C-alpha atoms as a PDB file:
ATOM      1  CA  UNK A   1      15.909  -5.055 -19.239  1.00  0.00           C
ATOM      2  CA  UNK A   2      13.558  -7.753 -17.995  1.00  0.00           C
ATOM      3  CA  UNK A   3      10.071  -7.934 -19.509  1.00  0.00           C
ATOM      4  CA  UNK A   4       8.453  -7.290 -16.094  1.00  0.00           C
ATOM      5  CA  UNK A   5      10.539  -4.168 -15.563  1.00  0.00           C
ATOM      6  CA  UNK A   6       9.690  -2.911 -19.063  1.00  0.00           C
ATOM      7  CA  UNK A   7       5.958  -3.493 -18.506  1.00  0.00           C
ATOM      8  CA  UNK A   8       6.136  -1.608 -15.190  1.00  0.00           C
ATOM      9  CA  UNK A   9       7.727   1.329 -16.980  1.00  0.00           C
ATOM     10  CA  UNK A  10       5.035   1.180 -19.647  1.00  0.00           C
ATOM     11  CA  UNK A  11       2.399   1.312 -16.894  1.00  0.00           C
ATOM     12  CA  UNK A  12       4.086   4.424 -15.473  1.00  0.00           C
ATOM     13  CA  UNK A  13       3.982   6.043 -18.924  1.00  0.00           C
ATOM     14  CA  UNK A  14       0.316   5.122 -19.260  1.00  0.00           C
ATOM     15  CA  UNK A  15      -0.439   6.726 -15.910  1.00  0.00           C
ATOM     16  CA  UNK A  16       1.145   9.961 -17.082  1.00  0.00           C
ATOM     17  CA  UNK A  17      -0.060  10.052 -20.691  1.00  0.00           C
ATOM     18  CA  UNK A  18      -3.182   7.817 -20.653  1.00  0.00           C
ATOM     19  CA  UNK A  19      -2.240   6.439 -24.119  1.00  0.00           C
ATOM     20  CA  UNK A  20       0.889   4.825 -25.599  1.00  0.00           C
ATOM     21  CA  UNK A  21       1.933   3.898 -29.136  1.00  0.00           C
ATOM     22  CA  UNK A  22       3.789   0.759 -30.212  1.00  0.00           C
ATOM     23  CA  UNK A  23       6.321   2.572 -32.390  1.00  0.00           C
ATOM     24  CA  UNK A  24       7.207   5.125 -29.704  1.00  0.00           C
ATOM     25  CA  UNK A  25       7.675   2.426 -27.068  1.00  0.00           C
ATOM     26  CA  UNK A  26       9.771   0.247 -29.367  1.00  0.00           C
ATOM     27  CA  UNK A  27      12.158   3.155 -29.987  1.00  0.00           C
ATOM     28  CA  UNK A  28      12.250   4.162 -26.315  1.00  0.00           C
ATOM     29  CA  UNK A  29      13.051   0.660 -25.047  1.00  0.00           C
ATOM     30  CA  UNK A  30      15.088  -0.343 -28.118  1.00  0.00           C
ATOM     31  CA  UNK A  31      13.122  -3.525 -28.744  1.00  0.00           C
ATOM     32  CA  UNK A  32      11.007  -4.768 -31.636  1.00  0.00           C
ATOM     33  CA  UNK A  33       7.426  -3.662 -32.146  1.00  0.00           C
ATOM     34  CA  UNK A  34       6.383  -7.297 -31.748  1.00  0.00           C
ATOM     35  CA  UNK A  35       7.926  -7.337 -28.255  1.00  0.00           C
ATOM     36  CA  UNK A  36       5.944  -4.218 -27.325  1.00  0.00           C
ATOM     37  CA  UNK A  37       2.750  -5.762 -28.706  1.00  0.00           C
ATOM     38  CA  UNK A  38       3.302  -8.763 -26.416  1.00  0.00           C
ATOM     39  CA  UNK A  39       3.766  -6.387 -23.487  1.00  0.00           C
ATOM     40  CA  UNK A  40       0.526  -4.595 -24.343  1.00  0.00           C
ATOM     41  CA  UNK A  41      -1.238  -7.959 -24.753  1.00  0.00           C
ATOM     42  CA  UNK A  42      -0.218  -8.797 -21.169  1.00  0.00           C
ATOM     43  CA  UNK A  43      -1.401  -5.424 -19.844  1.00  0.00           C
ATOM     44  CA  UNK A  44      -4.675  -5.937 -21.699  1.00  0.00           C
ATOM     45  CA  UNK A  45      -5.150  -9.393 -20.128  1.00  0.00           C
ATOM     46  CA  UNK A  46      -4.356  -7.970 -16.693  1.00  0.00           C
ATOM     47  CA  UNK A  47      -7.026  -5.299 -17.183  1.00  0.00           C
ATOM     48  CA  UNK A  48      -4.574  -2.410 -16.880  1.00  0.00           C
ATOM     49  CA  UNK A  49      -4.895  -1.169 -20.463  1.00  0.00           C
ATOM     50  CA  UNK A  50      -7.025  -1.751 -23.532  1.00  0.00           C
ATOM     51  CA  UNK A  51      -5.246  -2.353 -26.803  1.00  0.00           C
ATOM     52  CA  UNK A  52      -6.179   0.008 -29.594  1.00  0.00           C
ATOM     53  CA  UNK A  53      -4.979   0.526 -33.122  1.00  0.00           C
ATOM     54  CA  UNK A  54      -1.226   1.104 -32.912  1.00  0.00           C
ATOM     55  CA  UNK A  55      -1.051   1.189 -29.111  1.00  0.00           C
ATOM     56  CA  UNK A  56      -3.095   1.051 -25.923  1.00  0.00           C
ATOM     57  CA  UNK A  57      -5.117   3.279 -23.589  1.00  0.00           C
ATOM     58  CA  UNK A  58      -5.196   3.223 -19.792  1.00  0.00           C
ATOM     59  CA  UNK A  59      -8.208   1.651 -18.094  1.00  0.00           C
ATOM     60  CA  UNK A  60      -9.933   2.972 -14.977  1.00  0.00           C
ATOM     61  CA  UNK A  61      -7.394   2.181 -12.235  1.00  0.00           C
ATOM     62  CA  UNK A  62      -9.689   2.137  -9.194  1.00  0.00           C
ATOM     63  CA  UNK A  63     -10.398  -1.595  -9.448  1.00  0.00           C
ATOM     64  CA  UNK A  64      -6.941  -2.699 -10.664  1.00  0.00           C
ATOM     65  CA  UNK A  65      -4.018  -3.892  -8.550  1.00  0.00           C
ATOM     66  CA  UNK A  66      -0.875  -2.282  -9.927  1.00  0.00           C
ATOM     67  CA  UNK A  67       2.574  -3.840  -9.365  1.00  0.00           C
ATOM     68  CA  UNK A  68       4.313  -2.780  -6.146  1.00  0.00           C
ATOM     69  CA  UNK A  69       7.139  -0.936  -7.918  1.00  0.00           C
ATOM     70  CA  UNK A  70       4.604   1.135  -9.860  1.00  0.00           C
ATOM     71  CA  UNK A  71       2.456   1.962  -6.828  1.00  0.00           C
ATOM     72  CA  UNK A  72       5.545   2.919  -4.841  1.00  0.00           C
ATOM     73  CA  UNK A  73       6.107   5.946  -7.108  1.00  0.00           C
ATOM     74  CA  UNK A  74       2.594   7.330  -6.632  1.00  0.00           C
ATOM     75  CA  UNK A  75       2.228  10.379  -4.354  1.00  0.00           C
ATOM     76  CA  UNK A  76       5.626  10.012  -2.703  1.00  0.00           C
ATOM     77  CA  UNK A  77       5.345  13.368  -0.827  1.00  0.00           C
ATOM     78  CA  UNK A  78       2.037  12.255   0.703  1.00  0.00           C
ATOM     79  CA  UNK A  79       3.449   8.884   1.724  1.00  0.00           C
ATOM     80  CA  UNK A  80       6.452  10.559   3.339  1.00  0.00           C
ATOM     81  CA  UNK A  81       4.186  12.826   5.381  1.00  0.00           C
ATOM     82  CA  UNK A  82       2.087   9.863   6.480  1.00  0.00           C
ATOM     83  CA  UNK A  83       5.190   7.822   7.328  1.00  0.00           C
ATOM     84  CA  UNK A  84       6.571  10.643   9.467  1.00  0.00           C
ATOM     85  CA  UNK A  85       3.372  10.772  11.520  1.00  0.00           C
ATOM     86  CA  UNK A  86       3.248   6.984  11.833  1.00  0.00           C
ATOM     87  CA  UNK A  87       6.853   6.920  13.046  1.00  0.00           C
ATOM     88  CA  UNK A  88       6.009   9.499  15.733  1.00  0.00           C
ATOM     89  CA  UNK A  89       3.378   7.080  17.105  1.00  0.00           C
ATOM     90  CA  UNK A  90       5.918   4.256  17.435  1.00  0.00           C
ATOM     91  CA  UNK A  91       7.908   4.193  20.675  1.00  0.00           C
ATOM     92  CA  UNK A  92      11.128   2.443  21.622  1.00  0.00           C
ATOM     93  CA  UNK A  93      10.369  -1.117  22.702  1.00  0.00           C
ATOM     94  CA  UNK A  94       7.085  -1.375  20.782  1.00  0.00           C
ATOM     95  CA  UNK A  95       5.855  -4.551  19.116  1.00  0.00           C
ATOM     96  CA  UNK A  96       4.193  -3.569  15.843  1.00  0.00           C
ATOM     97  CA  UNK A  97       2.588  -5.079  12.772  1.00  0.00           C
ATOM     98  CA  UNK A  98       3.613  -3.381   9.525  1.00  0.00           C
ATOM     99  CA  UNK A  99       1.770  -4.380   6.370  1.00  0.00           C
ATOM    100  CA  UNK A 100       3.082  -4.835   2.830  1.00  0.00           C
ATOM    101  CA  UNK A 101       1.825  -1.533   1.439  1.00  0.00           C
ATOM    102  CA  UNK A 102       4.082   0.941  -0.350  1.00  0.00           C
ATOM    103  CA  UNK A 103       3.420   3.466   2.424  1.00  0.00           C
ATOM    104  CA  UNK A 104       4.709   0.957   4.995  1.00  0.00           C
ATOM    105  CA  UNK A 105       8.111   0.921   3.276  1.00  0.00           C
ATOM    106  CA  UNK A 106       8.466   4.636   4.024  1.00  0.00           C
ATOM    107  CA  UNK A 107       7.450   3.921   7.622  1.00  0.00           C
ATOM    108  CA  UNK A 108      10.161   1.255   7.813  1.00  0.00           C
ATOM    109  CA  UNK A 109      12.727   3.812   6.644  1.00  0.00           C
ATOM    110  CA  UNK A 110      11.480   6.325   9.218  1.00  0.00           C
ATOM    111  CA  UNK A 111      11.800   3.981  12.228  1.00  0.00           C
ATOM    112  CA  UNK A 112      15.325   2.703  11.669  1.00  0.00           C
ATOM    113  CA  UNK A 113      16.607   4.765  14.617  1.00  0.00           C
ATOM    114  CA  UNK A 114      14.036   3.406  17.070  1.00  0.00           C
ATOM    115  CA  UNK A 115      15.390   1.077  19.724  1.00  0.00           C
ATOM    116  CA  UNK A 116      14.302  -2.426  20.796  1.00  0.00           C
ATOM    117  CA  UNK A 117      11.562  -2.623  18.191  1.00  0.00           C
ATOM    118  CA  UNK A 118       9.851  -5.872  17.274  1.00  0.00           C
ATOM    119  CA  UNK A 119       8.341  -5.646  13.786  1.00  0.00           C
ATOM    120  CA  UNK A 120       6.113  -8.407  12.427  1.00  0.00           C
ATOM    121  CA  UNK A 121       5.526  -8.028   8.703  1.00  0.00           C
ATOM    122  CA  UNK A 122       4.567  -9.861   5.525  1.00  0.00           C
ATOM    123  CA  UNK A 123       6.542  -7.424   3.371  1.00  0.00           C
ATOM    124  CA  UNK A 124       9.812  -8.451   1.731  1.00  0.00           C
ATOM    125  CA  UNK A 125      10.732  -4.774   1.308  1.00  0.00           C
ATOM    126  CA  UNK A 126      10.192  -4.054   5.008  1.00  0.00           C
ATOM    127  CA  UNK A 127      12.349  -7.029   5.974  1.00  0.00           C
ATOM    128  CA  UNK A 128      15.199  -5.848   3.747  1.00  0.00           C
ATOM    129  CA  UNK A 129      14.901  -2.260   4.990  1.00  0.00           C
ATOM    130  CA  UNK A 130      14.977  -3.206   8.682  1.00  0.00           C
ATOM    131  CA  UNK A 131      17.191  -6.302   8.614  1.00  0.00           C
ATOM    132  CA  UNK A 132      20.263  -4.499   9.961  1.00  0.00           C
ATOM    133  CA  UNK A 133      18.726  -2.235  12.620  1.00  0.00           C
ATOM    134  CA  UNK A 134      20.497  -2.477  15.994  1.00  0.00           C
ATOM    135  CA  UNK A 135      18.838  -4.327  18.900  1.00  0.00           C
ATOM    136  CA  UNK A 136      15.625  -4.862  16.943  1.00  0.00           C
ATOM    137  CA  UNK A 137      13.784  -8.025  15.970  1.00  0.00           C
ATOM    138  CA  UNK A 138      12.203  -8.434  12.544  1.00  0.00           C
ATOM    139  CA  UNK A 139       9.773 -11.320  12.158  1.00  0.00           C
ATOM    140  CA  UNK A 140       8.463 -12.546   8.819  1.00  0.00           C
ATOM    141  CA  UNK A 141       4.959 -13.939   8.503  1.00  0.00           C
ATOM    142  CA  UNK A 142       6.096 -16.601   6.074  1.00  0.00           C
ATOM    143  CA  UNK A 143       3.736 -17.726   3.338  1.00  0.00           C
ATOM    144  CA  UNK A 144       3.581 -17.593  -0.443  1.00  0.00           C
ATOM    145  CA  UNK A 145       5.146 -14.703  -2.346  1.00  0.00           C
ATOM    146  CA  UNK A 146       2.460 -12.921  -4.342  1.00  0.00           C
ATOM    147  CA  UNK A 147       3.566 -11.870  -7.814  1.00  0.00           C
ATOM    148  CA  UNK A 148       3.850  -8.119  -8.214  1.00  0.00           C
ATOM    149  CA  UNK A 149       3.402  -7.429  -4.491  1.00  0.00           C
ATOM    150  CA  UNK A 150       6.776  -8.267  -2.864  1.00  0.00           C
ATOM    151  CA  UNK A 151       4.628  -9.675  -0.071  1.00  0.00           C
ATOM    152  CA  UNK A 152       3.837 -12.970   1.628  1.00  0.00           C
ATOM    153  CA  UNK A 153       0.159 -13.938   1.410  1.00  0.00           C
ATOM    154  CA  UNK A 154      -2.021 -17.009   1.672  1.00  0.00           C
ATOM    155  CA  UNK A 155      -3.064 -19.223   4.620  1.00  0.00           C
ATOM    156  CA  UNK A 156       0.491 -19.671   5.925  1.00  0.00           C
ATOM    157  CA  UNK A 157       1.022 -15.899   6.040  1.00  0.00           C
ATOM    158  CA  UNK A 158      -2.267 -15.375   7.875  1.00  0.00           C
ATOM    159  CA  UNK A 159      -1.391 -18.181  10.319  1.00  0.00           C
ATOM    160  CA  UNK A 160       2.043 -16.681  10.901  1.00  0.00           C
ATOM    161  CA  UNK A 161       0.682 -13.206  11.613  1.00  0.00           C
ATOM    162  CA  UNK A 162      -2.048 -14.571  13.902  1.00  0.00           C
ATOM    163  CA  UNK A 163       0.542 -16.262  16.118  1.00  0.00           C
ATOM    164  CA  UNK A 164       1.751 -12.881  17.436  1.00  0.00           C
ATOM    165  CA  UNK A 165       0.277 -10.018  19.428  1.00  0.00           C
ATOM    166  CA  UNK A 166       1.332  -6.386  19.096  1.00  0.00           C
ATOM    167  CA  UNK A 167       0.602  -3.035  20.664  1.00  0.00           C
ATOM    168  CA  UNK A 168       0.070  -1.355  17.295  1.00  0.00           C
ATOM    169  CA  UNK A 169      -0.711  -2.254  13.685  1.00  0.00           C
ATOM    170  CA  UNK A 170      -0.020   0.088  10.776  1.00  0.00           C
ATOM    171  CA  UNK A 171      -1.925  -0.840   7.624  1.00  0.00           C
ATOM    172  CA  UNK A 172      -2.876   0.878   4.402  1.00  0.00           C
ATOM    173  CA  UNK A 173      -5.759   0.272   1.992  1.00  0.00           C
ATOM    174  CA  UNK A 174      -6.747   0.616  -1.639  1.00  0.00           C
ATOM    175  CA  UNK A 175     -10.027   2.422  -0.954  1.00  0.00           C
ATOM    176  CA  UNK A 176     -12.032   3.964   1.861  1.00  0.00           C
ATOM    177  CA  UNK A 177     -15.773   4.568   1.823  1.00  0.00           C
ATOM    178  CA  UNK A 178     -18.253   5.977   4.326  1.00  0.00           C
ATOM    179  CA  UNK A 179     -20.685   3.190   3.396  1.00  0.00           C
ATOM    180  CA  UNK A 180     -18.342   0.221   2.871  1.00  0.00           C
ATOM    181  CA  UNK A 181     -15.440   1.010   5.164  1.00  0.00           C
ATOM    182  CA  UNK A 182     -11.914  -0.198   4.330  1.00  0.00           C
ATOM    183  CA  UNK A 183     -11.296  -2.078   1.078  1.00  0.00           C
ATOM    184  CA  UNK A 184      -8.475  -3.820  -0.765  1.00  0.00           C
ATOM    185  CA  UNK A 185      -7.900  -5.035  -4.289  1.00  0.00           C
ATOM    186  CA  UNK A 186      -8.017  -8.765  -3.553  1.00  0.00           C
ATOM    187  CA  UNK A 187      -8.974 -11.214  -0.826  1.00  0.00           C
ATOM    188  CA  UNK A 188      -5.459 -12.476  -0.088  1.00  0.00           C
ATOM    189  CA  UNK A 189      -4.241  -9.006   0.858  1.00  0.00           C
ATOM    190  CA  UNK A 190      -7.432  -8.440   2.844  1.00  0.00           C
ATOM    191  CA  UNK A 191      -6.827 -11.531   4.978  1.00  0.00           C
ATOM    192  CA  UNK A 192      -3.295 -10.514   5.966  1.00  0.00           C
ATOM    193  CA  UNK A 193      -4.444  -7.049   7.012  1.00  0.00           C
ATOM    194  CA  UNK A 194      -7.317  -8.505   9.024  1.00  0.00           C
ATOM    195  CA  UNK A 195      -4.903 -10.809  10.859  1.00  0.00           C
ATOM    196  CA  UNK A 196      -2.762  -7.833  11.853  1.00  0.00           C
ATOM    197  CA  UNK A 197      -5.727  -5.716  12.942  1.00  0.00           C
ATOM    198  CA  UNK A 198      -7.277  -8.559  14.945  1.00  0.00           C
ATOM    199  CA  UNK A 199      -4.125  -9.174  16.969  1.00  0.00           C
ATOM    200  CA  UNK A 200      -3.127  -5.565  17.652  1.00  0.00           C
ATOM    201  CA  UNK A 201      -4.309  -3.450  20.572  1.00  0.00           C
ATOM    202  CA  UNK A 202      -4.454  -0.364  18.344  1.00  0.00           C
ATOM    203  CA  UNK A 203      -4.782  -0.098  14.560  1.00  0.00           C
ATOM    204  CA  UNK A 204      -3.717   2.922  12.557  1.00  0.00           C
ATOM    205  CA  UNK A 205      -4.959   3.186   8.970  1.00  0.00           C
ATOM    206  CA  UNK A 206      -2.569   4.976   6.619  1.00  0.00           C
ATOM    207  CA  UNK A 207      -4.444   6.410   3.635  1.00  0.00           C
ATOM    208  CA  UNK A 208      -3.675   9.442   1.506  1.00  0.00           C
ATOM    209  CA  UNK A 209      -6.616  11.566   0.432  1.00  0.00           C
ATOM    210  CA  UNK A 210      -6.814   9.881  -2.995  1.00  0.00           C
ATOM    211  CA  UNK A 211      -8.076   6.702  -1.261  1.00  0.00           C
ATOM    212  CA  UNK A 212     -11.100   8.444   0.293  1.00  0.00           C
ATOM    213  CA  UNK A 213     -14.572   8.034  -1.240  1.00  0.00           C
ATOM    214  CA  UNK A 214     -13.420   5.159  -3.450  1.00  0.00           C
ATOM    215  CA  UNK A 215     -14.378   1.488  -3.684  1.00  0.00           C
ATOM    216  CA  UNK A 216     -12.342  -1.645  -4.307  1.00  0.00           C
ATOM    217  CA  UNK A 217     -13.088  -5.334  -4.774  1.00  0.00           C
ATOM    218  CA  UNK A 218     -12.523  -6.824  -1.317  1.00  0.00           C
ATOM    219  CA  UNK A 219     -13.949  -5.363   1.899  1.00  0.00           C
ATOM    220  CA  UNK A 220     -11.546  -5.541   4.844  1.00  0.00           C
ATOM    221  CA  UNK A 221     -13.785  -4.214   7.628  1.00  0.00           C
ATOM    222  CA  UNK A 222     -15.835  -1.281   8.803  1.00  0.00           C
ATOM    223  CA  UNK A 223     -14.392   1.785  10.443  1.00  0.00           C
ATOM    224  CA  UNK A 224     -15.411   0.956  13.991  1.00  0.00           C
ATOM    225  CA  UNK A 225     -12.306  -1.114  14.748  1.00  0.00           C
ATOM    226  CA  UNK A 226      -9.815   1.607  13.823  1.00  0.00           C
ATOM    227  CA  UNK A 227      -7.921   3.578  16.476  1.00  0.00           C
ATOM    228  CA  UNK A 228      -6.677   6.320  14.188  1.00  0.00           C
ATOM    229  CA  UNK A 229      -6.435   7.401  10.557  1.00  0.00           C
ATOM    230  CA  UNK A 230      -3.219   8.951   9.254  1.00  0.00           C
ATOM    231  CA  UNK A 231      -3.616  10.936   6.037  1.00  0.00           C
ATOM    232  CA  UNK A 232      -1.747  13.590   4.069  1.00  0.00           C
ATOM    233  CA  UNK A 233      -4.506  16.207   3.708  1.00  0.00           C
ATOM    234  CA  UNK A 234      -7.585  17.223   5.651  1.00  0.00           C
ATOM    235  CA  UNK A 235     -10.623  15.143   4.552  1.00  0.00           C
ATOM    236  CA  UNK A 236     -14.148  16.479   4.121  1.00  0.00           C
ATOM    237  CA  UNK A 237     -16.537  17.459   6.915  1.00  0.00           C
ATOM    238  CA  UNK A 238     -18.468  14.222   6.331  1.00  0.00           C
ATOM    239  CA  UNK A 239     -15.349  12.205   7.127  1.00  0.00           C
ATOM    240  CA  UNK A 240     -14.582  14.283  10.203  1.00  0.00           C
ATOM    241  CA  UNK A 241     -18.100  13.600  11.465  1.00  0.00           C
ATOM    242  CA  UNK A 242     -17.677   9.873  10.741  1.00  0.00           C
ATOM    243  CA  UNK A 243     -14.401   9.706  12.651  1.00  0.00           C
ATOM    244  CA  UNK A 244     -15.919  11.556  15.599  1.00  0.00           C
ATOM    245  CA  UNK A 245     -18.925   9.214  15.659  1.00  0.00           C
ATOM    246  CA  UNK A 246     -16.664   6.147  15.701  1.00  0.00           C
ATOM    247  CA  UNK A 247     -14.127   7.473  18.200  1.00  0.00           C
ATOM    248  CA  UNK A 248     -11.364   7.543  15.563  1.00  0.00           C
ATOM    249  CA  UNK A 249      -8.515  10.006  15.960  1.00  0.00           C
ATOM    250  CA  UNK A 250      -7.389  11.773  12.780  1.00  0.00           C
ATOM    251  CA  UNK A 251      -3.709  12.562  12.238  1.00  0.00           C
ATOM    252  CA  UNK A 252      -3.020  15.048   9.465  1.00  0.00           C
ATOM    253  CA  UNK A 253       0.061  17.207   8.721  1.00  0.00           C
ATOM    254  CA  UNK A 254      -0.230  20.967   8.916  1.00  0.00           C
ATOM    255  CA  UNK A 255       2.253  23.779   8.532  1.00  0.00           C
ATOM    256  CA  UNK A 256       3.554  23.710  12.105  1.00  0.00           C
ATOM    257  CA  UNK A 257       3.387  19.999  12.789  1.00  0.00           C
ATOM    258  CA  UNK A 258       0.749  17.292  13.031  1.00  0.00           C
ATOM    259  CA  UNK A 259      -2.899  18.105  13.592  1.00  0.00           C
ATOM    260  CA  UNK A 260      -4.579  15.502  15.795  1.00  0.00           C
ATOM    261  CA  UNK A 261      -8.364  15.638  15.901  1.00  0.00           C
END
């Protein structure tokens, strides 16, 4: 097992148990305790965990960017519900932007049967998922691969995205606040999302309810430029009032289909 894969699994254990112990991890992964201490040193430097006597404890995750393969496992049922709604908004022949979020991967899986799609993306996972769809065109932004994200970022990625226009953009976020709007964990990711939103006629924000009323490091934009918000559960009355005031349509699953407000 590669060190990166082992650290990702340790992060998943931390998310479930909040605390890990060197001896337990060494036995579980069949490596030396010194190897596990190096793994925990790395997680400590990355701000994900704080080393303690004999192990480590999980830090507050709101301000931390977790690796893609760890985030992908979070709230899978919610992401599937969001992806299903997003797919219903995509029509044959559409040109769309699809960001490099974990939710977008589920969208990519859900639109494989669409016809004559043009998908512009900075996600390596989306490209792999859609590479063999019939009569579709998949366009990569290009750019620098960001470690832990499976995504292209940087000035070249932004330039690549900005050279296209699309009917619809589907983007996710790390946090959503009534006061601060849409936020991400770092500026590089923010810039790629902004490029997509700027060059799309309509922008749909995909955010499960855990993203609401949170804050993150980098502000993407306010809520006034969003066409619709796709979420997995009904948000609070304050959010409904905010969406109404900004002309934002809410898409939320209910027992007999999708509720559109």
